[in-house]
């Protein structure tokens, strides 16, 4: 189990740890709240069935407050010596306080400890405001690929994924 603490401007009492199946409902709630901004998706971003399936392929880290509430989550999947991370979600009430950065750092640290040499992520073309956030953290655009949403896009929207990568140092 991961038990590292990362700097978070509002509270040093936030603990980032590996998620368990008991966290599924809380992760779904945080993810759907955080991704509600994606009004181009027809429906919510995820549900308990989809998330439970993801946990069979990869794992999640969660940020937990002292009372046990889940404030943020991020998905990690092993892909050889590389790792993919996605679905970075921070409860809207806790956004813009450094928790998203803490989750990215925790995901990178977690993967480094497993011998990972690089991290990959996908940014949706309809979310260009995310590109500078990841660029500041050392991620660079590498390619584009087709978007395969878990829920259909609303009529009139077209979207693709921008693949970003970062080589992880020691």
C-alpha atoms as a PDB file:
ATOM      1  CA  UNK A   1       0.000   0.000   0.000  1.00  0.00           C
ATOM      2  CA  UNK A   2       1.214   3.474  -0.890  1.00  0.00           C
ATOM      3  CA  UNK A   3       1.353   5.828   2.058  1.00  0.00           C
ATOM      4  CA  UNK A   4       3.259   8.856   0.854  1.00  0.00           C
ATOM      5  CA  UNK A   5       2.207  12.394   1.641  1.00  0.00           C
ATOM      6  CA  UNK A   6       2.680  15.078  -0.993  1.00  0.00           C
ATOM      7  CA  UNK A   7       2.499  18.813  -0.565  1.00  0.00           C
ATOM      8  CA  UNK A   8      -1.030  20.068  -0.803  1.00  0.00           C
ATOM      9  CA  UNK A   9      -1.500  23.762  -0.134  1.00  0.00           C
ATOM     10  CA  UNK A  10      -4.723  23.501   1.855  1.00  0.00           C
ATOM     11  CA  UNK A  11      -3.900  20.597   4.146  1.00  0.00           C
ATOM     12  CA  UNK A  12      -0.922  18.510   5.057  1.00  0.00           C
ATOM     13  CA  UNK A  13      -3.329  15.917   6.474  1.00  0.00           C
ATOM     14  CA  UNK A  14      -4.195  14.503   3.059  1.00  0.00           C
ATOM     15  CA  UNK A  15      -2.917  10.968   2.570  1.00  0.00           C
ATOM     16  CA  UNK A  16      -2.405   9.433  -0.867  1.00  0.00           C
ATOM     17  CA  UNK A  17      -2.788   5.666  -0.940  1.00  0.00           C
ATOM     18  CA  UNK A  18      -3.628   2.757  -3.218  1.00  0.00           C
ATOM     19  CA  UNK A  19      -7.350   2.320  -3.713  1.00  0.00           C
ATOM     20  CA  UNK A  20      -9.315  -0.824  -2.905  1.00  0.00           C
ATOM     21  CA  UNK A  21     -12.661  -2.093  -4.171  1.00  0.00           C
ATOM     22  CA  UNK A  22     -14.230  -0.412  -1.127  1.00  0.00           C
ATOM     23  CA  UNK A  23     -13.275   2.944  -2.714  1.00  0.00           C
ATOM     24  CA  UNK A  24     -15.115   2.377  -6.006  1.00  0.00           C
ATOM     25  CA  UNK A  25     -18.243   4.400  -5.131  1.00  0.00           C
ATOM     26  CA  UNK A  26     -16.182   7.327  -3.841  1.00  0.00           C
ATOM     27  CA  UNK A  27     -13.909   7.303  -6.913  1.00  0.00           C
ATOM     28  CA  UNK A  28     -16.949   7.263  -9.221  1.00  0.00           C
ATOM     29  CA  UNK A  29     -18.451  10.233  -7.363  1.00  0.00           C
ATOM     30  CA  UNK A  30     -15.220  12.283  -7.456  1.00  0.00           C
ATOM     31  CA  UNK A  31     -14.564  11.412 -11.098  1.00  0.00           C
ATOM     32  CA  UNK A  32     -18.050  12.288 -12.289  1.00  0.00           C
ATOM     33  CA  UNK A  33     -18.027  15.559 -10.323  1.00  0.00           C
ATOM     34  CA  UNK A  34     -14.601  16.526 -11.677  1.00  0.00           C
ATOM     35  CA  UNK A  35     -15.472  15.583 -15.256  1.00  0.00           C
ATOM     36  CA  UNK A  36     -18.903  17.263 -15.239  1.00  0.00           C
ATOM     37  CA  UNK A  37     -17.153  20.069 -17.144  1.00  0.00           C
ATOM     38  CA  UNK A  38     -16.997  17.720 -20.131  1.00  0.00           C
ATOM     39  CA  UNK A  39     -20.436  18.667 -21.388  1.00  0.00           C
ATOM     40  CA  UNK A  40     -19.632  17.090 -24.750  1.00  0.00           C
ATOM     41  CA  UNK A  41     -20.057  13.592 -23.218  1.00  0.00           C
ATOM     42  CA  UNK A  42     -23.596  12.207 -23.248  1.00  0.00           C
ATOM     43  CA  UNK A  43     -23.887  11.025 -19.659  1.00  0.00           C
ATOM     44  CA  UNK A  44     -21.428  10.637 -16.808  1.00  0.00           C
ATOM     45  CA  UNK A  45     -17.749   9.858 -17.251  1.00  0.00           C
ATOM     46  CA  UNK A  46     -17.815   6.512 -15.433  1.00  0.00           C
ATOM     47  CA  UNK A  47     -19.879   4.168 -13.293  1.00  0.00           C
ATOM     48  CA  UNK A  48     -19.170   1.456 -10.731  1.00  0.00           C
ATOM     49  CA  UNK A  49     -19.168  -1.381 -13.294  1.00  0.00           C
ATOM     50  CA  UNK A  50     -16.705   0.376 -15.627  1.00  0.00           C
ATOM     51  CA  UNK A  51     -14.440   1.417 -12.763  1.00  0.00           C
ATOM     52  CA  UNK A  52     -14.426  -2.085 -11.248  1.00  0.00           C
ATOM     53  CA  UNK A  53     -13.317  -3.434 -14.651  1.00  0.00           C
ATOM     54  CA  UNK A  54     -10.537  -0.828 -14.776  1.00  0.00           C
ATOM     55  CA  UNK A  55      -9.307  -2.031 -11.380  1.00  0.00           C
ATOM     56  CA  UNK A  56      -8.786  -5.488 -12.916  1.00  0.00           C
ATOM     57  CA  UNK A  57      -6.473  -3.986 -15.566  1.00  0.00           C
ATOM     58  CA  UNK A  58      -4.798  -1.257 -13.529  1.00  0.00           C
ATOM     59  CA  UNK A  59      -5.050   0.457 -10.180  1.00  0.00           C
ATOM     60  CA  UNK A  60      -6.077   3.744  -8.661  1.00  0.00           C
ATOM     61  CA  UNK A  61      -4.453   6.037  -6.152  1.00  0.00           C
ATOM     62  CA  UNK A  62      -6.754   8.121  -3.968  1.00  0.00           C
ATOM     63  CA  UNK A  63      -6.195  11.204  -1.839  1.00  0.00           C
ATOM     64  CA  UNK A  64      -8.009  10.823   1.438  1.00  0.00           C
ATOM     65  CA  UNK A  65      -8.817  13.496   4.007  1.00  0.00           C
ATOM     66  CA  UNK A  66      -8.487  12.793   7.763  1.00  0.00           C
ATOM     67  CA  UNK A  67     -12.147  11.743   7.991  1.00  0.00           C
ATOM     68  CA  UNK A  68     -11.655   9.127   5.251  1.00  0.00           C
ATOM     69  CA  UNK A  69     -13.307  11.060   2.424  1.00  0.00           C
ATOM     70  CA  UNK A  70     -11.850  10.657  -1.057  1.00  0.00           C
ATOM     71  CA  UNK A  71     -10.826  14.051  -2.471  1.00  0.00           C
ATOM     72  CA  UNK A  72      -9.034  12.920  -5.632  1.00  0.00           C
ATOM     73  CA  UNK A  73      -8.059   9.878  -7.663  1.00  0.00           C
ATOM     74  CA  UNK A  74      -5.872   8.848 -10.572  1.00  0.00           C
ATOM     75  CA  UNK A  75      -5.788   5.643 -12.646  1.00  0.00           C
ATOM     76  CA  UNK A  76      -2.487   3.836 -13.392  1.00  0.00           C
ATOM     77  CA  UNK A  77      -1.936   0.977 -15.817  1.00  0.00           C
ATOM     78  CA  UNK A  78       1.239  -1.009 -16.509  1.00  0.00           C
ATOM     79  CA  UNK A  79       2.295  -1.114 -20.156  1.00  0.00           C
ATOM     80  CA  UNK A  80       5.689  -2.829 -20.178  1.00  0.00           C
ATOM     81  CA  UNK A  81       8.371  -0.477 -18.818  1.00  0.00           C
ATOM     82  CA  UNK A  82       5.964   2.398 -19.356  1.00  0.00           C
ATOM     83  CA  UNK A  83       2.933   3.340 -17.324  1.00  0.00           C
ATOM     84  CA  UNK A  84      -0.241   5.036 -18.421  1.00  0.00           C
ATOM     85  CA  UNK A  85      -2.111   7.344 -16.112  1.00  0.00           C
ATOM     86  CA  UNK A  86      -5.495   8.866 -16.660  1.00  0.00           C
ATOM     87  CA  UNK A  87      -8.798   9.905 -15.186  1.00  0.00           C
ATOM     88  CA  UNK A  88      -7.024  12.351 -12.890  1.00  0.00           C
ATOM     89  CA  UNK A  89      -9.953  13.695 -10.875  1.00  0.00           C
ATOM     90  CA  UNK A  90     -10.073  16.209  -8.037  1.00  0.00           C
ATOM     91  CA  UNK A  91     -13.284  17.014  -6.193  1.00  0.00           C
ATOM     92  CA  UNK A  92     -14.362  20.448  -7.511  1.00  0.00           C
ATOM     93  CA  UNK A  93     -14.388  21.861  -3.950  1.00  0.00           C
ATOM     94  CA  UNK A  94     -10.652  21.055  -3.697  1.00  0.00           C
ATOM     95  CA  UNK A  95      -9.459  22.075  -7.164  1.00  0.00           C
ATOM     96  CA  UNK A  96      -6.827  24.780  -7.756  1.00  0.00           C
ATOM     97  CA  UNK A  97      -5.138  24.031  -4.436  1.00  0.00           C
ATOM     98  CA  UNK A  98      -2.300  21.772  -5.591  1.00  0.00           C
ATOM     99  CA  UNK A  99      -3.992  18.412  -5.142  1.00  0.00           C
ATOM    100  CA  UNK A 100      -3.953  17.572  -8.872  1.00  0.00           C
ATOM    101  CA  UNK A 101      -0.197  18.141  -8.960  1.00  0.00           C
ATOM    102  CA  UNK A 102       0.220  16.035  -5.808  1.00  0.00           C
ATOM    103  CA  UNK A 103      -1.690  13.200  -7.494  1.00  0.00           C
ATOM    104  CA  UNK A 104       0.477  13.390 -10.632  1.00  0.00           C
ATOM    105  CA  UNK A 105       3.627  13.322  -8.470  1.00  0.00           C
ATOM    106  CA  UNK A 106       2.276  10.388  -6.455  1.00  0.00           C
ATOM    107  CA  UNK A 107       1.488   8.453  -9.648  1.00  0.00           C
ATOM    108  CA  UNK A 108       4.987   9.134 -10.999  1.00  0.00           C
ATOM    109  CA  UNK A 109       6.647   8.167  -7.691  1.00  0.00           C
ATOM    110  CA  UNK A 110       4.561   4.998  -7.465  1.00  0.00           C
ATOM    111  CA  UNK A 111       5.598   4.000 -10.982  1.00  0.00           C
ATOM    112  CA  UNK A 112       9.286   4.871 -10.472  1.00  0.00           C
ATOM    113  CA  UNK A 113       9.360   2.492  -7.495  1.00  0.00           C
ATOM    114  CA  UNK A 114       8.104  -0.259  -9.821  1.00  0.00           C
ATOM    115  CA  UNK A 115      10.947   0.337 -12.293  1.00  0.00           C
ATOM    116  CA  UNK A 116       8.934   2.388 -14.738  1.00  0.00           C
ATOM    117  CA  UNK A 117      10.957   4.494 -17.193  1.00  0.00           C
ATOM    118  CA  UNK A 118       8.197   6.623 -18.728  1.00  0.00           C
ATOM    119  CA  UNK A 119       4.647   7.804 -18.169  1.00  0.00           C
ATOM    120  CA  UNK A 120       2.024   8.327 -20.860  1.00  0.00           C
ATOM    121  CA  UNK A 121      -1.337  10.042 -20.713  1.00  0.00           C
ATOM    122  CA  UNK A 122      -4.100  11.075 -23.066  1.00  0.00           C
ATOM    123  CA  UNK A 123      -5.582  14.566 -23.229  1.00  0.00           C
ATOM    124  CA  UNK A 124      -8.820  15.026 -25.119  1.00  0.00           C
ATOM    125  CA  UNK A 125      -8.645  17.546 -27.944  1.00  0.00           C
ATOM    126  CA  UNK A 126     -11.796  19.158 -26.525  1.00  0.00           C
ATOM    127  CA  UNK A 127      -9.848  19.922 -23.296  1.00  0.00           C
ATOM    128  CA  UNK A 128      -6.924  22.040 -24.625  1.00  0.00           C
ATOM    129  CA  UNK A 129      -6.650  23.891 -21.280  1.00  0.00           C
ATOM    130  CA  UNK A 130      -5.068  20.722 -19.830  1.00  0.00           C
ATOM    131  CA  UNK A 131      -2.061  20.769 -22.176  1.00  0.00           C
ATOM    132  CA  UNK A 132      -0.184  23.586 -20.329  1.00  0.00           C
ATOM    133  CA  UNK A 133      -0.747  21.842 -16.960  1.00  0.00           C
ATOM    134  CA  UNK A 134       1.003  18.701 -18.195  1.00  0.00           C
ATOM    135  CA  UNK A 135       3.665  20.566 -20.195  1.00  0.00           C
ATOM    136  CA  UNK A 136       4.728  22.336 -16.969  1.00  0.00           C
ATOM    137  CA  UNK A 137       5.259  18.894 -15.451  1.00  0.00           C
ATOM    138  CA  UNK A 138       7.551  17.735 -18.253  1.00  0.00           C
ATOM    139  CA  UNK A 139       5.056  15.963 -20.512  1.00  0.00           C
ATOM    140  CA  UNK A 140       5.339  16.506 -24.246  1.00  0.00           C
ATOM    141  CA  UNK A 141       2.928  15.796 -27.089  1.00  0.00           C
ATOM    142  CA  UNK A 142       3.962  12.686 -28.986  1.00  0.00           C
ATOM    143  CA  UNK A 143       1.041  11.695 -31.215  1.00  0.00           C
ATOM    144  CA  UNK A 144      -2.694  11.688 -31.656  1.00  0.00           C
ATOM    145  CA  UNK A 145      -5.046   8.736 -31.616  1.00  0.00           C
ATOM    146  CA  UNK A 146      -8.714   7.964 -31.884  1.00  0.00           C
ATOM    147  CA  UNK A 147     -10.905   8.656 -28.848  1.00  0.00           C
ATOM    148  CA  UNK A 148     -12.919   5.670 -27.585  1.00  0.00           C
ATOM    149  CA  UNK A 149     -15.288   7.166 -25.016  1.00  0.00           C
ATOM    150  CA  UNK A 150     -17.033   5.040 -22.408  1.00  0.00           C
ATOM    151  CA  UNK A 151     -20.122   7.159 -23.134  1.00  0.00           C
ATOM    152  CA  UNK A 152     -21.034   8.546 -26.578  1.00  0.00           C
ATOM    153  CA  UNK A 153     -20.218  12.104 -27.572  1.00  0.00           C
ATOM    154  CA  UNK A 154     -23.139  14.476 -27.963  1.00  0.00           C
ATOM    155  CA  UNK A 155     -24.150  15.279 -31.525  1.00  0.00           C
ATOM    156  CA  UNK A 156     -21.946  17.845 -33.239  1.00  0.00           C
ATOM    157  CA  UNK A 157     -18.757  17.107 -31.299  1.00  0.00           C
ATOM    158  CA  UNK A 158     -15.613  15.529 -32.692  1.00  0.00           C
ATOM    159  CA  UNK A 159     -12.727  14.545 -30.466  1.00  0.00           C
ATOM    160  CA  UNK A 160      -9.379  12.800 -30.609  1.00  0.00           C
ATOM    161  CA  UNK A 161      -6.727  12.039 -28.005  1.00  0.00           C
ATOM    162  CA  UNK A 162      -3.399  13.811 -27.710  1.00  0.00           C
ATOM    163  CA  UNK A 163      -0.771  11.396 -26.421  1.00  0.00           C
ATOM    164  CA  UNK A 164       1.663  13.026 -23.980  1.00  0.00           C
ATOM    165  CA  UNK A 165       4.723  11.327 -22.486  1.00  0.00           C
ATOM    166  CA  UNK A 166       7.416  11.977 -19.911  1.00  0.00           C
ATOM    167  CA  UNK A 167      10.657  10.133 -19.261  1.00  0.00           C
ATOM    168  CA  UNK A 168      10.961   9.474 -15.549  1.00  0.00           C
ATOM    169  CA  UNK A 169      14.298  10.082 -13.884  1.00  0.00           C
ATOM    170  CA  UNK A 170      15.429   8.741 -10.540  1.00  0.00           C
END
